[in-house]
C-alpha cells in the first residue's frame, strides 16, 4: 500500500507530521492492505492566518484494486482530530465498500435479482 501525505502552506512541522500520518494510516488500514493500492491524505488549515474552530481539514482517498476510489473528509478544531476523524470514516467506508463485494468475512445480502439490499 502506497501512502502519500500532502500538507498545505499553513501547516507547521510538515516533515514530522507527514511521517506520523504515514505510520498511522498504515496501521489503521493494515487489514485492507490486500485491497488498497494507494492512500492520499491532504491536511490543510483553511484559515491559517485566522483563529477559529473547525478550520482544520483532512481529506483521504483510498484507491482500491478493481473498485472505485473511496474518499472522505473531516473538519475539526485541530489537525489531530481532523486526521483521526477522517481515518475512522475511511475505515468505515472501506468496510462498507468491501463488504458489498463479499470481502473480509462478510457476505453480501442480495435478493434473487442480484441487487444489494440496504
C-alpha atoms as a PDB file:
ATOM      1  CA  UNK A   1       0.000   0.000   0.000  1.00  0.00           C
ATOM      2  CA  UNK A   2       1.455   3.319  -1.093  1.00  0.00           C
ATOM      3  CA  UNK A   3       0.702   6.331   1.120  1.00  0.00           C
ATOM      4  CA  UNK A   4       1.103   9.956   0.079  1.00  0.00           C
ATOM      5  CA  UNK A   5       0.635  12.744   2.613  1.00  0.00           C
ATOM      6  CA  UNK A   6       0.174  16.318   1.374  1.00  0.00           C
ATOM      7  CA  UNK A   7       0.052  19.415   3.588  1.00  0.00           C
ATOM      8  CA  UNK A   8      -0.955  22.999   2.844  1.00  0.00           C
ATOM      9  CA  UNK A   9       1.230  26.067   3.417  1.00  0.00           C
ATOM     10  CA  UNK A  10      -0.376  26.868   6.779  1.00  0.00           C
ATOM     11  CA  UNK A  11       0.789  23.610   8.389  1.00  0.00           C
ATOM     12  CA  UNK A  12       3.815  23.609  10.722  1.00  0.00           C
ATOM     13  CA  UNK A  13       6.288  20.713  11.205  1.00  0.00           C
ATOM     14  CA  UNK A  14       5.350  19.210   7.857  1.00  0.00           C
ATOM     15  CA  UNK A  15       8.027  16.510   7.743  1.00  0.00           C
ATOM     16  CA  UNK A  16       7.255  15.132  11.207  1.00  0.00           C
ATOM     17  CA  UNK A  17       3.515  15.358  10.566  1.00  0.00           C
ATOM     18  CA  UNK A  18       3.833  13.511   7.260  1.00  0.00           C
ATOM     19  CA  UNK A  19       5.878  10.695   8.850  1.00  0.00           C
ATOM     20  CA  UNK A  20       3.377  10.382  11.707  1.00  0.00           C
ATOM     21  CA  UNK A  21       0.369  10.384   9.356  1.00  0.00           C
ATOM     22  CA  UNK A  22       2.000   7.783   7.102  1.00  0.00           C
ATOM     23  CA  UNK A  23       2.541   5.375  10.008  1.00  0.00           C
ATOM     24  CA  UNK A  24      -0.932   5.984  11.461  1.00  0.00           C
ATOM     25  CA  UNK A  25      -2.622   5.244   8.123  1.00  0.00           C
ATOM     26  CA  UNK A  26      -0.503   2.144   7.582  1.00  0.00           C
ATOM     27  CA  UNK A  27      -1.595   0.781  10.992  1.00  0.00           C
ATOM     28  CA  UNK A  28      -5.235   1.877  10.727  1.00  0.00           C
ATOM     29  CA  UNK A  29      -5.732   0.319   7.285  1.00  0.00           C
ATOM     30  CA  UNK A  30      -3.475  -2.731   7.663  1.00  0.00           C
ATOM     31  CA  UNK A  31      -6.387  -5.165   7.335  1.00  0.00           C
ATOM     32  CA  UNK A  32      -7.222  -3.633   3.934  1.00  0.00           C
ATOM     33  CA  UNK A  33      -3.638  -3.884   2.604  1.00  0.00           C
ATOM     34  CA  UNK A  34      -4.550  -6.549   0.046  1.00  0.00           C
ATOM     35  CA  UNK A  35      -7.296  -4.353  -1.457  1.00  0.00           C
ATOM     36  CA  UNK A  36      -5.971  -0.791  -1.080  1.00  0.00           C
ATOM     37  CA  UNK A  37      -3.240   0.136  -3.553  1.00  0.00           C
ATOM     38  CA  UNK A  38      -2.800   3.798  -2.607  1.00  0.00           C
ATOM     39  CA  UNK A  39      -3.980   6.277   0.031  1.00  0.00           C
ATOM     40  CA  UNK A  40      -3.725  10.031  -0.406  1.00  0.00           C
ATOM     41  CA  UNK A  41      -4.010  12.254   2.657  1.00  0.00           C
ATOM     42  CA  UNK A  42      -4.491  16.024   2.365  1.00  0.00           C
ATOM     43  CA  UNK A  43      -4.059  18.047   5.564  1.00  0.00           C
ATOM     44  CA  UNK A  44      -4.892  21.737   5.491  1.00  0.00           C
ATOM     45  CA  UNK A  45      -5.573  24.741   7.667  1.00  0.00           C
ATOM     46  CA  UNK A  46      -8.326  26.551   5.813  1.00  0.00           C
ATOM     47  CA  UNK A  47      -7.912  29.756   7.853  1.00  0.00           C
ATOM     48  CA  UNK A  48      -4.199  29.503   8.696  1.00  0.00           C
ATOM     49  CA  UNK A  49      -3.852  33.227   9.363  1.00  0.00           C
ATOM     50  CA  UNK A  50      -7.065  33.491  11.412  1.00  0.00           C
ATOM     51  CA  UNK A  51      -8.259  31.760  14.550  1.00  0.00           C
ATOM     52  CA  UNK A  52     -11.484  29.832  14.806  1.00  0.00           C
ATOM     53  CA  UNK A  53     -12.841  26.356  15.316  1.00  0.00           C
ATOM     54  CA  UNK A  54     -13.377  23.772  12.628  1.00  0.00           C
ATOM     55  CA  UNK A  55     -10.862  25.243  10.219  1.00  0.00           C
ATOM     56  CA  UNK A  56      -8.544  22.200  10.095  1.00  0.00           C
ATOM     57  CA  UNK A  57      -9.381  19.765   7.310  1.00  0.00           C
ATOM     58  CA  UNK A  58      -8.278  16.250   6.462  1.00  0.00           C
ATOM     59  CA  UNK A  59      -9.313  14.610   3.210  1.00  0.00           C
ATOM     60  CA  UNK A  60      -8.394  10.985   2.472  1.00  0.00           C
ATOM     61  CA  UNK A  61      -8.824   8.962  -0.672  1.00  0.00           C
ATOM     62  CA  UNK A  62      -8.175   5.224  -0.889  1.00  0.00           C
ATOM     63  CA  UNK A  63      -7.620   3.672  -4.299  1.00  0.00           C
ATOM     64  CA  UNK A  64      -8.851   0.103  -4.439  1.00  0.00           C
ATOM     65  CA  UNK A  65      -7.803  -2.667  -6.772  1.00  0.00           C
ATOM     66  CA  UNK A  66     -10.692  -3.459  -9.123  1.00  0.00           C
ATOM     67  CA  UNK A  67     -13.060  -0.961  -7.474  1.00  0.00           C
ATOM     68  CA  UNK A  68     -13.851   2.758  -7.434  1.00  0.00           C
ATOM     69  CA  UNK A  69     -11.858   5.022  -5.080  1.00  0.00           C
ATOM     70  CA  UNK A  70     -13.293   5.825  -1.645  1.00  0.00           C
ATOM     71  CA  UNK A  71     -12.944   9.403  -0.346  1.00  0.00           C
ATOM     72  CA  UNK A  72     -13.795  11.059   2.989  1.00  0.00           C
ATOM     73  CA  UNK A  73     -13.329  14.491   4.573  1.00  0.00           C
ATOM     74  CA  UNK A  74     -13.293  15.621   8.193  1.00  0.00           C
ATOM     75  CA  UNK A  75     -13.211  19.159   9.641  1.00  0.00           C
ATOM     76  CA  UNK A  76     -12.136  19.795  13.243  1.00  0.00           C
ATOM     77  CA  UNK A  77     -10.575  22.383  15.524  1.00  0.00           C
ATOM     78  CA  UNK A  78      -7.115  20.739  15.307  1.00  0.00           C
ATOM     79  CA  UNK A  79      -5.258  18.538  12.838  1.00  0.00           C
ATOM     80  CA  UNK A  80      -5.152  15.516  15.141  1.00  0.00           C
ATOM     81  CA  UNK A  81      -8.951  15.414  15.461  1.00  0.00           C
ATOM     82  CA  UNK A  82      -9.406  16.031  11.731  1.00  0.00           C
ATOM     83  CA  UNK A  83      -6.938  13.267  10.844  1.00  0.00           C
ATOM     84  CA  UNK A  84      -8.331  10.695  13.291  1.00  0.00           C
ATOM     85  CA  UNK A  85     -11.915  11.502  12.293  1.00  0.00           C
ATOM     86  CA  UNK A  86     -11.088  11.072   8.604  1.00  0.00           C
ATOM     87  CA  UNK A  87      -9.210   7.812   9.302  1.00  0.00           C
ATOM     88  CA  UNK A  88     -12.237   6.426  11.183  1.00  0.00           C
ATOM     89  CA  UNK A  89     -14.563   7.479   8.365  1.00  0.00           C
ATOM     90  CA  UNK A  90     -12.263   5.875   5.795  1.00  0.00           C
ATOM     91  CA  UNK A  91     -12.180   2.577   7.710  1.00  0.00           C
ATOM     92  CA  UNK A  92     -15.987   2.514   7.847  1.00  0.00           C
ATOM     93  CA  UNK A  93     -16.262   3.450   4.169  1.00  0.00           C
ATOM     94  CA  UNK A  94     -13.814   0.689   3.190  1.00  0.00           C
ATOM     95  CA  UNK A  95     -15.674  -1.827   5.362  1.00  0.00           C
ATOM     96  CA  UNK A  96     -18.868  -0.809   3.609  1.00  0.00           C
ATOM     97  CA  UNK A  97     -17.429  -0.870   0.073  1.00  0.00           C
ATOM     98  CA  UNK A  98     -15.515  -4.121   0.502  1.00  0.00           C
ATOM     99  CA  UNK A  99     -18.343  -5.715   2.480  1.00  0.00           C
ATOM    100  CA  UNK A 100     -20.597  -5.248  -0.536  1.00  0.00           C
ATOM    101  CA  UNK A 101     -18.028  -7.108  -2.585  1.00  0.00           C
ATOM    102  CA  UNK A 102     -18.157 -10.034  -0.144  1.00  0.00           C
ATOM    103  CA  UNK A 103     -14.689  -9.471   1.326  1.00  0.00           C
ATOM    104  CA  UNK A 104     -13.422  -9.557   4.910  1.00  0.00           C
ATOM    105  CA  UNK A 105     -15.604 -12.416   6.070  1.00  0.00           C
ATOM    106  CA  UNK A 106     -18.894 -10.739   5.311  1.00  0.00           C
ATOM    107  CA  UNK A 107     -21.478 -11.907   2.869  1.00  0.00           C
ATOM    108  CA  UNK A 108     -23.452  -9.567   0.668  1.00  0.00           C
ATOM    109  CA  UNK A 109     -27.190  -9.539   1.253  1.00  0.00           C
ATOM    110  CA  UNK A 110     -28.787  -9.994  -2.147  1.00  0.00           C
ATOM    111  CA  UNK A 111     -32.252 -10.649  -3.464  1.00  0.00           C
ATOM    112  CA  UNK A 112     -32.921 -13.030  -6.335  1.00  0.00           C
ATOM    113  CA  UNK A 113     -32.247 -10.317  -8.904  1.00  0.00           C
ATOM    114  CA  UNK A 114     -28.735  -9.697  -7.552  1.00  0.00           C
ATOM    115  CA  UNK A 115     -29.406  -6.215  -6.200  1.00  0.00           C
ATOM    116  CA  UNK A 116     -27.962  -5.201  -2.871  1.00  0.00           C
ATOM    117  CA  UNK A 117     -30.463  -4.716  -0.055  1.00  0.00           C
ATOM    118  CA  UNK A 118     -29.564  -1.864   2.284  1.00  0.00           C
END
